[in-house]
Amino acid sequence: MIPYGRQNINQADIDAVIGVLHSDFLTQGPAVPAFERAVASRVGVAHALAMSSATAALHVACMALDLGKGDLLWTTPNTFVASSNAALYCGAEVDFVDIDPATWNMSVSLLETKLQQARRDGRLPKVVVPVHFSGQATNQQAIHALATEYGFRVIEDASHAIGATRDGEPVGSCRWSDITVFSFHPVKIVTTGEGGMAVTNDQALAESMAKLRSHGITRDASQFVGEAGGAWYYEQQVLGFNYRMTDLQAALGTSQMARLDEFVERRNAIAGRYDALLRGLPLRLPVIDRGNVSAWHLYVVRLKREKTSLTHRQLFDGLRERGIGVNVHYMPVHLQPYYRGLGFVAGQFPESEAHGAEALTLPLYPTLTDTEQDTVVRALGELLGHD
């Protein structure tokens, strides 16, 4: 089976983890802040906070922005459920903005239209979470302008997009947002096994997220409410969580960050080769906005259903039977049974629904060989009658 994604671990990564195993710290030692500095430096942001997962980072980001009961968060249906679940963890409500038919990211024009209606209804969102789908940056400058006009906060879900840029600016700089979240799951651009990170330029938000990821506790004497005791003294000031990353994970992440440029360059080469090889098949290929360099976490195509008698399911199953580990990113969140229970119905976000009914994620990872990629393309051609 050729999987759709696969981690890339080399000897330097292994040595970095072994080094931690030989050290005095396995959990909260020097490797975590070193990883945070590596990411912060790379994306040009003031503060970086490593977490146990990107979901954890999304959760504490929402909490740091005081999202709670009676508040509303908007995101896109074309994402993993964590983007919206984080709001529900806080007791807030969720709604969605449909995607752009070209980029498959949140549509800025539909966002503006929905905001205009929400202002009339007196129901504006407190937080908007654009998702950098597949590794391509959203138009954060335009979203930031709307945030200024309508008064909402912005969390960039960049789980797919470390290493991506827009007009030369790294995703994660937070120039146009309050907080950005990255994921380091094994199929992502760089990995820590499981792990995530929240980055921000706002010191108060960084301090809040630092407490929330570690039980709501601070050991910083300048933040104490009570009178400090001895060196053992600490304070739990809010109800937080154990969302910390370990030194083992962080050491792997720092080692992986040294190869980020290599990973992104290789992913772009593979994506470019797919673009050339798949022309002529009844597929919609991904479109990259002018000025964007995608991190290419995913290479997603959409079946042109009007151009073939083959169904989406038949194409998916046929590729799997041929040893091609395709996937679907994503089944629209609002059509999941849990979200249907919240009142969402089919037909509300037609472009996301069409995307979910047509999308196939093809194998893309740095060690994918030309021969393996040719196997994927040949299987697609055979199934679609273009061999």
Protein backbone atom coordinates (compact mmCIF):
# COMPACT_ATOMS: atom_id res chain seq x y z
CA MET A 1 0.00 0.00 0.00
CA ILE A 2 1.23 3.47 -0.90
CA PRO A 3 -0.16 5.63 1.95
CA TYR A 4 -1.45 9.18 1.48
CA GLY A 5 1.02 10.43 4.09
CA ARG A 6 4.06 9.18 5.96
CA GLN A 7 6.53 10.62 8.45
CA ASN A 8 10.16 11.10 7.47
CA ILE A 9 12.52 10.15 10.30
CA ASN A 10 16.29 10.17 9.85
CA GLN A 11 19.23 9.31 12.09
CA ALA A 12 19.54 12.87 13.37
CA ASP A 13 15.92 12.67 14.59
CA ILE A 14 16.61 9.36 16.32
CA ASP A 15 19.79 10.70 17.90
CA ALA A 16 17.92 13.77 19.20
CA VAL A 17 15.36 11.59 20.97
CA ILE A 18 18.01 9.23 22.32
CA GLY A 19 19.84 12.27 23.67
CA VAL A 20 16.79 13.16 25.76
CA LEU A 21 16.50 9.58 26.99
CA HIS A 22 20.05 9.88 28.30
CA SER A 23 19.38 13.28 29.89
CA ASP A 24 17.91 14.27 33.26
CA PHE A 25 14.60 15.38 31.71
CA LEU A 26 12.00 13.40 29.80
CA THR A 27 9.03 15.73 30.17
CA GLN A 28 9.52 19.41 31.02
CA GLY A 29 13.19 20.12 30.43
CA PRO A 30 15.21 22.29 28.03
CA ALA A 31 14.05 20.61 24.82
CA VAL A 32 10.55 22.12 24.92
CA PRO A 33 11.65 25.78 25.03
CA ALA A 34 14.30 25.01 22.40
CA PHE A 35 11.60 23.71 20.06
CA GLU A 36 9.42 26.73 20.80
CA ARG A 37 12.31 29.05 19.93
CA ALA A 38 12.96 27.17 16.68
CA VAL A 39 9.36 27.58 15.54
CA ALA A 40 9.04 31.19 16.72
CA SER A 41 12.24 32.13 14.92
CA ARG A 42 11.17 30.41 11.72
CA VAL A 43 7.75 32.10 11.47
CA GLY A 44 8.84 35.44 12.94
CA VAL A 45 6.56 35.55 15.97
CA ALA A 46 7.20 36.68 19.53
CA HIS A 47 5.77 33.76 21.54
CA ALA A 48 5.41 30.02 20.87
CA LEU A 49 3.81 27.50 23.21
CA ALA A 50 4.20 23.80 22.55
CA MET A 51 1.19 21.60 23.34
CA SER A 52 0.26 17.93 23.39
CA SER A 53 -1.74 18.34 20.16
CA ALA A 54 -3.08 20.97 17.80
CA THR A 55 -6.52 20.29 19.25
CA ALA A 56 -5.18 21.24 22.68
CA ALA A 57 -3.66 24.38 21.17
CA LEU A 58 -6.98 25.33 19.55
CA HIS A 59 -8.78 24.77 22.86
CA VAL A 60 -6.49 26.97 24.93
CA ALA A 61 -6.41 29.59 22.16
CA CYS A 62 -10.20 29.84 22.37
CA MET A 63 -10.04 30.03 26.17
CA ALA A 64 -7.34 32.71 26.09
CA LEU A 65 -9.67 34.80 23.92
CA ASP A 66 -12.41 34.35 26.56
CA LEU A 67 -14.68 32.38 24.27
CA GLY A 68 -17.51 30.96 26.35
CA LYS A 69 -21.22 30.46 26.83
CA GLY A 70 -23.29 32.78 24.68
CA ASP A 71 -20.40 33.39 22.27
CA LEU A 72 -20.12 32.25 18.68
CA LEU A 73 -17.17 30.87 16.68
CA TRP A 74 -17.18 30.57 12.90
CA THR A 75 -14.93 28.28 10.90
CA THR A 76 -15.15 26.35 7.63
CA PRO A 77 -16.92 23.00 7.11
CA ASN A 78 -13.93 21.80 5.07
CA THR A 79 -11.71 20.93 8.02
CA PHE A 80 -11.12 18.35 10.70
CA VAL A 81 -13.67 18.44 13.50
CA ALA A 82 -11.14 19.87 15.99
CA SER A 83 -11.42 23.34 14.41
CA SER A 84 -15.01 23.65 15.61
CA ASN A 85 -14.96 21.24 18.56
CA ALA A 86 -12.58 23.59 20.39
CA ALA A 87 -15.38 26.16 20.63
CA LEU A 88 -17.82 23.59 21.97
CA TYR A 89 -15.33 22.64 24.69
CA CYS A 90 -15.63 26.26 25.86
CA GLY A 91 -19.44 26.18 25.92
CA ALA A 92 -19.68 28.44 22.87
CA GLU A 93 -21.75 27.89 19.74
CA VAL A 94 -20.44 27.15 16.25
CA ASP A 95 -21.37 28.20 12.74
CA PHE A 96 -19.63 27.84 9.41
CA VAL A 97 -18.62 29.84 6.34
CA ASP A 98 -18.52 28.00 3.02
CA ILE A 99 -15.34 27.59 0.99
CA ASP A 100 -14.04 29.35 -2.09
CA PRO A 101 -14.64 27.16 -5.16
CA ALA A 102 -11.09 27.67 -6.43
CA THR A 103 -8.84 27.46 -3.34
CA TRP A 104 -11.12 25.38 -1.06
CA ASN A 105 -10.25 27.74 1.78
CA MET A 106 -12.79 29.88 3.62
CA SER A 107 -14.44 32.27 1.15
CA VAL A 108 -13.70 35.86 2.13
CA SER A 109 -16.65 37.16 0.10
CA LEU A 110 -19.06 34.74 1.80
CA LEU A 111 -17.55 35.64 5.17
CA GLU A 112 -18.23 39.32 4.50
CA THR A 113 -21.79 38.64 3.39
CA LYS A 114 -22.46 36.50 6.47
CA LEU A 115 -20.98 39.20 8.73
CA GLN A 116 -23.25 41.82 7.21
CA GLN A 117 -26.29 39.66 7.98
CA ALA A 118 -24.98 38.80 11.45
CA ARG A 119 -24.61 42.50 12.26
CA ARG A 120 -28.23 43.08 11.26
CA ASP A 121 -29.27 40.12 13.41
CA GLY A 122 -27.12 41.20 16.37
CA ARG A 123 -25.29 37.86 16.32
CA LEU A 124 -21.70 38.51 15.28
CA PRO A 125 -19.00 35.92 15.99
CA LYS A 126 -16.48 36.49 18.76
CA VAL A 127 -13.85 34.34 17.02
CA VAL A 128 -13.30 33.30 13.40
CA VAL A 129 -11.02 30.35 12.60
CA PRO A 130 -9.83 30.29 8.97
CA VAL A 131 -8.17 26.99 8.01
CA HIS A 132 -5.14 26.88 5.70
CA PHE A 133 -6.48 23.85 3.84
CA SER A 134 -3.89 21.43 2.45
CA GLY A 135 -1.08 23.86 3.30
CA GLN A 136 -2.20 26.92 1.32
CA ALA A 137 -2.54 30.21 3.22
CA THR A 138 -5.90 31.92 3.39
CA ASN A 139 -6.21 35.63 2.57
CA GLN A 140 -5.43 36.67 6.13
CA GLN A 141 -5.02 40.35 5.30
CA ALA A 142 -8.59 40.54 4.00
CA ILE A 143 -9.90 38.55 6.98
CA HIS A 144 -8.00 40.86 9.34
CA ALA A 145 -9.66 43.89 7.72
CA LEU A 146 -13.06 42.31 8.36
CA ALA A 147 -12.03 41.51 11.94
CA THR A 148 -11.22 45.18 12.47
CA GLU A 149 -14.54 46.27 10.99
CA TYR A 150 -16.74 43.70 12.77
CA GLY A 151 -14.83 43.27 16.02
CA PHE A 152 -14.02 39.56 16.06
CA ARG A 153 -10.75 37.83 16.98
CA VAL A 154 -8.86 35.52 14.61
CA ILE A 155 -7.25 32.14 15.23
CA GLU A 156 -5.47 30.74 12.18
CA ASP A 157 -5.76 26.96 12.02
CA ALA A 158 -2.48 26.34 10.24
CA SER A 159 -2.32 22.66 11.15
CA HIS A 160 -1.49 21.94 7.50
CA ALA A 161 0.73 24.89 6.81
CA ILE A 162 4.01 25.26 8.68
CA GLY A 163 6.55 26.30 6.06
CA ALA A 164 3.94 27.97 3.85
CA THR A 165 4.16 31.64 2.87
CA ARG A 166 1.91 34.33 1.41
CA ASP A 167 3.59 37.19 -0.44
CA GLY A 168 6.83 36.08 1.18
CA GLU A 169 5.49 36.24 4.74
CA PRO A 170 5.51 33.01 6.76
CA VAL A 171 2.22 31.53 7.90
CA GLY A 172 2.31 31.95 11.67
CA SER A 173 3.72 35.46 11.85
CA CYS A 174 0.37 36.53 13.37
CA ARG A 175 0.59 39.83 11.56
CA TRP A 176 -3.05 39.42 10.57
CA SER A 177 -4.33 37.31 13.48
CA ASP A 178 -4.31 36.96 17.24
CA ILE A 179 -3.09 33.35 17.42
CA THR A 180 -1.92 30.70 14.94
CA VAL A 181 -2.00 26.97 15.64
CA PHE A 182 0.27 24.32 14.09
CA SER A 183 0.03 20.52 14.14
CA PHE A 184 2.91 18.05 14.32
CA HIS A 185 1.02 14.81 13.72
CA PRO A 186 3.10 12.20 11.81
CA VAL A 187 1.53 12.95 8.41
CA LYS A 188 2.07 16.71 8.76
CA ILE A 189 5.05 18.68 7.40
CA VAL A 190 7.20 18.12 10.49
CA THR A 191 6.30 15.76 13.33
CA THR A 192 6.70 15.33 17.05
CA GLY A 193 4.65 12.11 17.02
CA GLU A 194 1.63 13.87 18.47
CA GLY A 195 1.89 17.55 19.22
CA GLY A 196 0.87 21.07 18.39
CA MET A 197 1.81 24.67 19.01
CA ALA A 198 0.09 28.01 19.48
CA VAL A 199 1.99 31.14 18.47
CA THR A 200 1.15 34.80 19.10
CA ASN A 201 2.63 38.27 19.30
CA ASP A 202 0.44 39.15 22.30
CA GLN A 203 2.25 38.66 25.61
CA ALA A 204 -0.97 38.52 27.65
CA LEU A 205 -2.38 35.80 25.39
CA ALA A 206 0.90 33.88 25.62
CA GLU A 207 0.86 34.05 29.44
CA SER A 208 -2.76 32.91 29.53
CA MET A 209 -2.12 29.95 27.21
CA ALA A 210 0.99 28.98 29.18
CA LYS A 211 -1.11 28.66 32.33
CA LEU A 212 -3.97 26.88 30.61
CA ARG A 213 -1.73 24.18 29.14
CA SER A 214 -0.33 23.36 32.59
CA HIS A 215 -3.26 22.99 35.00
CA GLY A 216 -3.78 26.76 35.31
CA ILE A 217 -0.59 26.95 37.37
CA THR A 218 2.12 29.60 37.40
CA ARG A 219 5.49 29.61 39.16
CA ASP A 220 6.22 33.17 38.04
CA ALA A 221 6.47 35.27 41.21
CA SER A 222 5.52 38.43 39.31
CA GLN A 223 2.10 36.90 38.64
CA PHE A 224 1.36 35.62 42.16
CA VAL A 225 -1.87 36.69 43.81
CA GLY A 226 -0.89 35.56 47.31
CA GLU A 227 2.28 35.98 49.29
CA ALA A 228 5.00 33.71 47.97
CA GLY A 229 6.26 30.96 50.23
CA GLY A 230 9.49 29.07 49.72
CA ALA A 231 11.02 27.82 46.50
CA TRP A 232 8.27 25.21 46.32
CA TYR A 233 5.53 27.82 45.99
CA TYR A 234 3.21 27.91 42.97
CA GLU A 235 -0.35 29.05 42.35
CA GLN A 236 -3.25 27.59 40.41
CA GLN A 237 -4.98 30.72 39.21
CA VAL A 238 -7.41 29.30 36.62
CA LEU A 239 -8.83 25.89 35.76
CA GLY A 240 -6.39 24.53 33.21
CA PHE A 241 -5.39 21.25 31.63
CA ASN A 242 -2.41 18.95 31.21
CA TYR A 243 -1.75 19.88 27.59
CA ARG A 244 2.03 19.97 27.83
CA MET A 245 4.47 18.58 25.27
CA THR A 246 7.33 16.35 26.48
CA ASP A 247 11.04 16.85 25.91
CA LEU A 248 11.06 13.61 23.90
CA GLN A 249 8.55 15.06 21.44
CA ALA A 250 10.18 18.48 21.38
CA ALA A 251 13.62 17.09 20.61
CA LEU A 252 12.19 15.30 17.60
CA GLY A 253 10.42 18.49 16.54
CA THR A 254 13.56 20.63 16.76
CA SER A 255 15.47 18.08 14.68
CA GLN A 256 12.67 18.00 12.10
CA MET A 257 12.56 21.81 11.90
CA ALA A 258 16.13 21.75 10.59
CA ARG A 259 14.74 20.02 7.47
CA LEU A 260 11.59 22.12 7.03
CA ASP A 261 12.83 23.80 3.85
CA GLU A 262 13.82 20.42 2.42
CA PHE A 263 10.40 18.96 3.23
CA VAL A 264 8.47 21.85 1.70
CA GLU A 265 10.66 21.92 -1.42
CA ARG A 266 10.16 18.19 -1.99
CA ARG A 267 6.41 18.40 -1.40
CA ASN A 268 6.17 21.23 -3.93
CA ALA A 269 8.13 19.17 -6.45
CA ILE A 270 5.78 16.21 -6.03
CA ALA A 271 2.72 18.46 -6.31
CA GLY A 272 4.13 20.04 -9.47
CA ARG A 273 4.71 16.63 -10.97
CA TYR A 274 1.11 15.61 -10.18
CA ASP A 275 -0.09 18.81 -11.86
CA ALA A 276 1.72 17.84 -15.05
CA LEU A 277 0.83 14.12 -15.04
CA LEU A 278 -2.86 14.48 -14.21
CA ARG A 279 -3.76 16.99 -16.91
CA GLY A 280 -6.34 15.52 -19.24
CA LEU A 281 -8.04 13.37 -16.60
CA PRO A 282 -11.57 14.30 -15.49
CA LEU A 283 -10.24 15.79 -12.27
CA ARG A 284 -10.17 19.29 -10.81
CA LEU A 285 -6.63 19.94 -9.69
CA PRO A 286 -5.71 22.17 -6.75
CA VAL A 287 -5.22 25.87 -7.46
CA ILE A 288 -2.62 27.91 -5.61
CA ASP A 289 -3.34 31.61 -5.18
CA ARG A 290 -0.89 34.03 -6.74
CA GLY A 291 1.73 34.96 -4.16
CA ASN A 292 1.25 31.77 -2.15
CA VAL A 293 3.77 29.01 -1.57
CA SER A 294 1.89 26.04 -0.17
CA ALA A 295 3.40 23.66 2.37
CA TRP A 296 1.50 20.89 0.52
CA HIS A 297 0.44 18.82 3.49
CA LEU A 298 -2.18 17.32 1.16
CA TYR A 299 -2.59 16.96 -2.58
CA VAL A 300 -6.36 16.88 -3.11
CA VAL A 301 -8.11 16.45 -6.45
CA ARG A 302 -11.84 16.57 -7.14
CA LEU A 303 -13.64 14.19 -9.47
CA LYS A 304 -15.44 15.95 -12.30
CA ARG A 305 -18.61 13.93 -11.90
CA GLU A 306 -20.12 15.41 -15.07
CA LYS A 307 -17.17 14.07 -17.12
CA THR A 308 -17.21 10.42 -16.05
CA SER A 309 -19.66 7.66 -15.22
CA LEU A 310 -17.41 6.54 -12.36
CA THR A 311 -18.71 7.49 -8.93
CA HIS A 312 -16.63 9.00 -6.15
CA ARG A 313 -16.98 5.78 -4.14
CA GLN A 314 -15.98 3.61 -7.11
CA LEU A 315 -12.87 5.69 -7.72
CA PHE A 316 -11.91 5.61 -4.05
CA ASP A 317 -12.47 1.85 -3.73
CA GLY A 318 -10.75 1.13 -7.03
CA LEU A 319 -7.62 2.98 -5.95
CA ARG A 320 -7.58 1.27 -2.56
CA GLU A 321 -7.93 -2.13 -4.29
CA ARG A 322 -4.85 -1.24 -6.36
CA GLY A 323 -2.81 -0.47 -3.25
CA ILE A 324 -3.18 3.32 -3.38
CA GLY A 325 -4.00 4.60 0.11
CA VAL A 326 -6.15 7.55 -0.89
CA ASN A 327 -8.19 9.41 1.69
CA VAL A 328 -10.92 12.08 1.75
CA HIS A 329 -10.27 15.52 3.21
CA TYR A 330 -12.86 16.34 4.33
CA MET A 331 -16.31 15.08 5.01
CA PRO A 332 -17.98 18.42 5.86
CA VAL A 333 -18.08 18.94 9.62
CA HIS A 334 -21.68 20.17 9.67
CA LEU A 335 -22.88 16.85 8.22
CA GLN A 336 -21.34 14.75 11.00
CA PRO A 337 -24.04 13.13 13.17
CA TYR A 338 -23.07 15.16 16.23
CA TYR A 339 -23.37 18.44 14.34
CA ARG A 340 -26.63 17.39 12.71
CA GLY A 341 -27.82 16.98 16.30
CA LEU A 342 -27.00 20.66 16.81
CA GLY A 343 -29.35 21.57 13.96
CA PHE A 344 -27.14 21.65 10.88
CA VAL A 345 -28.59 20.15 7.71
CA ALA A 346 -27.50 19.25 4.18
CA GLY A 347 -27.63 22.10 1.71
CA GLN A 348 -26.40 24.83 4.06
CA PHE A 349 -22.85 24.95 2.68
CA PRO A 350 -23.09 23.64 -0.87
CA GLU A 351 -19.49 24.15 -1.99
CA SER A 352 -18.10 22.27 1.01
CA GLU A 353 -20.65 19.53 0.42
CA ALA A 354 -19.69 19.27 -3.27
CA HIS A 355 -16.05 19.18 -2.25
CA GLY A 356 -16.66 16.33 0.21
CA ALA A 357 -18.53 14.39 -2.48
CA GLU A 358 -15.71 14.75 -5.01
CA ALA A 359 -12.42 15.04 -3.10
CA LEU A 360 -9.63 12.46 -3.09
CA THR A 361 -6.35 12.96 -1.29
CA LEU A 362 -3.51 11.39 -3.25
CA PRO A 363 -0.25 10.16 -1.71
CA LEU A 364 2.19 12.97 -1.00
CA TYR A 365 5.16 12.78 1.36
CA PRO A 366 8.87 13.55 0.93
CA THR A 367 10.00 9.98 0.34
CA LEU A 368 7.37 9.25 -2.32
CA THR A 369 9.35 8.11 -5.35
CA ASP A 370 8.67 8.96 -8.97
CA THR A 371 7.92 5.27 -9.56
CA GLU A 372 5.32 5.24 -6.79
CA GLN A 373 3.81 8.48 -8.06
CA ASP A 374 3.65 7.00 -11.57
CA THR A 375 1.80 4.01 -10.08
CA VAL A 376 -0.77 6.38 -8.55
CA VAL A 377 -1.25 8.26 -11.82
CA ARG A 378 -1.48 5.07 -13.88
CA ALA A 379 -4.16 3.67 -11.54
CA LEU A 380 -6.17 6.88 -11.84
CA GLY A 381 -5.89 6.75 -15.62
CA GLU A 382 -7.02 3.13 -15.79
CA LEU A 383 -10.02 3.75 -13.57
CA LEU A 384 -11.03 6.93 -15.36
CA GLY A 385 -10.61 5.37 -18.80
CA HIS A 386 -7.59 7.42 -19.83
CA ASP A 387 -4.85 4.79 -19.76
